[in-house]
Amino acid sequence: MADSIFMKAEEIMKALGVSQSEAYRIIKRLNEELKEKGYMVVSGRVSRRYLEEKIYGYKDCAAKDQAREV
């Protein structure tokens, strides 16, 4: 399921070790942030890339990796 662009609550629960209600709170909070930035969101799902950026800080790592490739 890691190929999907979106993560559901069940996958967030396993990845972060949180309860179902906390997983849905995370989805809601991140989707609200994305809406404020003008992105379209899917209810009950969150962008895998955005979650990883917010939780693990992958955005900074990805930018550094891309700079090395050039």
C-alpha atoms as a PDB file:
ATOM      1  CA  MET A   1       0.000   0.000   0.000  1.00  0.00           C
ATOM      2  CA  ALA A   2       3.050   2.269   0.195  1.00  0.00           C
ATOM      3  CA  ASP A   3       2.570   3.030  -3.499  1.00  0.00           C
ATOM      4  CA  SER A   4      -0.570   5.075  -2.792  1.00  0.00           C
ATOM      5  CA  ILE A   5      -0.281   8.846  -2.845  1.00  0.00           C
ATOM      6  CA  PHE A   6      -2.628   9.060   0.162  1.00  0.00           C
ATOM      7  CA  MET A   7      -2.505   7.533   3.626  1.00  0.00           C
ATOM      8  CA  LYS A   8      -5.610   6.413   5.511  1.00  0.00           C
ATOM      9  CA  ALA A   9      -6.043   6.408   9.286  1.00  0.00           C
ATOM     10  CA  GLU A  10      -5.183   2.706   9.593  1.00  0.00           C
ATOM     11  CA  GLU A  11      -1.809   3.209   7.928  1.00  0.00           C
ATOM     12  CA  ILE A  12      -1.060   6.280  10.060  1.00  0.00           C
ATOM     13  CA  MET A  13      -1.950   4.279  13.171  1.00  0.00           C
ATOM     14  CA  LYS A  14       0.630   1.628  12.288  1.00  0.00           C
ATOM     15  CA  ALA A  15       3.326   4.051  11.134  1.00  0.00           C
ATOM     16  CA  LEU A  16       3.120   6.376  14.144  1.00  0.00           C
ATOM     17  CA  GLY A  17       1.789   4.031  16.827  1.00  0.00           C
ATOM     18  CA  VAL A  18      -1.231   6.203  17.591  1.00  0.00           C
ATOM     19  CA  SER A  19      -4.899   5.459  18.228  1.00  0.00           C
ATOM     20  CA  GLN A  20      -7.532   5.649  15.524  1.00  0.00           C
ATOM     21  CA  SER A  21      -8.952   8.875  16.904  1.00  0.00           C
ATOM     22  CA  GLU A  22      -5.493  10.472  16.973  1.00  0.00           C
ATOM     23  CA  ALA A  23      -4.844   9.334  13.391  1.00  0.00           C
ATOM     24  CA  TYR A  24      -8.047  11.063  12.279  1.00  0.00           C
ATOM     25  CA  ARG A  25      -7.061  14.220  14.193  1.00  0.00           C
ATOM     26  CA  ILE A  26      -3.728  14.211  12.372  1.00  0.00           C
ATOM     27  CA  ILE A  27      -5.478  13.805   9.016  1.00  0.00           C
ATOM     28  CA  LYS A  28      -7.885  16.627   9.812  1.00  0.00           C
ATOM     29  CA  ARG A  29      -5.140  19.002  10.966  1.00  0.00           C
ATOM     30  CA  LEU A  30      -2.878  18.347   7.984  1.00  0.00           C
ATOM     31  CA  ASN A  31      -5.763  18.619   5.508  1.00  0.00           C
ATOM     32  CA  GLU A  32      -6.749  21.967   7.035  1.00  0.00           C
ATOM     33  CA  GLU A  33      -3.169  23.200   6.524  1.00  0.00           C
ATOM     34  CA  LEU A  34      -3.222  22.022   2.918  1.00  0.00           C
ATOM     35  CA  LYS A  35      -6.586  23.731   2.280  1.00  0.00           C
ATOM     36  CA  GLU A  36      -5.188  27.004   3.627  1.00  0.00           C
ATOM     37  CA  LYS A  37      -2.329  26.676   1.150  1.00  0.00           C
ATOM     38  CA  GLY A  38      -4.841  26.252  -1.678  1.00  0.00           C
ATOM     39  CA  TYR A  39      -4.521  22.501  -2.226  1.00  0.00           C
ATOM     40  CA  MET A  40      -7.420  20.151  -2.826  1.00  0.00           C
ATOM     41  CA  VAL A  41      -7.772  17.462  -0.153  1.00  0.00           C
ATOM     42  CA  VAL A  42      -9.545  14.122   0.137  1.00  0.00           C
ATOM     43  CA  SER A  43     -11.579  13.640   3.303  1.00  0.00           C
ATOM     44  CA  GLY A  44     -10.303  10.809   5.502  1.00  0.00           C
ATOM     45  CA  ARG A  45      -6.962  10.666   3.702  1.00  0.00           C
ATOM     46  CA  VAL A  46      -3.820  12.752   3.749  1.00  0.00           C
ATOM     47  CA  SER A  47      -1.011  13.184   1.271  1.00  0.00           C
ATOM     48  CA  ARG A  48       1.755  10.703   2.093  1.00  0.00           C
ATOM     49  CA  ARG A  49       4.438  13.202   1.080  1.00  0.00           C
ATOM     50  CA  TYR A  50       2.985  16.012   3.230  1.00  0.00           C
ATOM     51  CA  LEU A  51       2.664  13.745   6.279  1.00  0.00           C
ATOM     52  CA  GLU A  52       6.262  12.603   5.879  1.00  0.00           C
ATOM     53  CA  GLU A  53       7.443  16.217   5.567  1.00  0.00           C
ATOM     54  CA  LYS A  54       5.567  17.244   8.706  1.00  0.00           C
ATOM     55  CA  ILE A  55       6.486  14.219  10.815  1.00  0.00           C
ATOM     56  CA  TYR A  56       9.957  13.253   9.649  1.00  0.00           C
ATOM     57  CA  GLY A  57      11.223  16.453   8.026  1.00  0.00           C
ATOM     58  CA  TYR A  58      11.817  14.739   4.669  1.00  0.00           C
ATOM     59  CA  LYS A  59      11.407  17.967   2.719  1.00  0.00           C
ATOM     60  CA  ASP A  60      14.804  19.232   3.856  1.00  0.00           C
ATOM     61  CA  CYS A  61      16.454  15.883   3.117  1.00  0.00           C
ATOM     62  CA  ALA A  62      14.877  15.660  -0.347  1.00  0.00           C
ATOM     63  CA  ALA A  63      16.088  19.151  -1.247  1.00  0.00           C
ATOM     64  CA  LYS A  64      19.633  18.260  -0.182  1.00  0.00           C
ATOM     65  CA  ASP A  65      19.519  15.021  -2.204  1.00  0.00           C
ATOM     66  CA  GLN A  66      18.322  16.873  -5.306  1.00  0.00           C
ATOM     67  CA  ALA A  67      21.109  19.449  -4.922  1.00  0.00           C
ATOM     68  CA  ARG A  68      23.689  16.667  -4.838  1.00  0.00           C
ATOM     69  CA  GLU A  69      22.323  15.140  -8.045  1.00  0.00           C
ATOM     70  CA  VAL A  70      22.790  18.367 -10.033  1.00  0.00           C
END
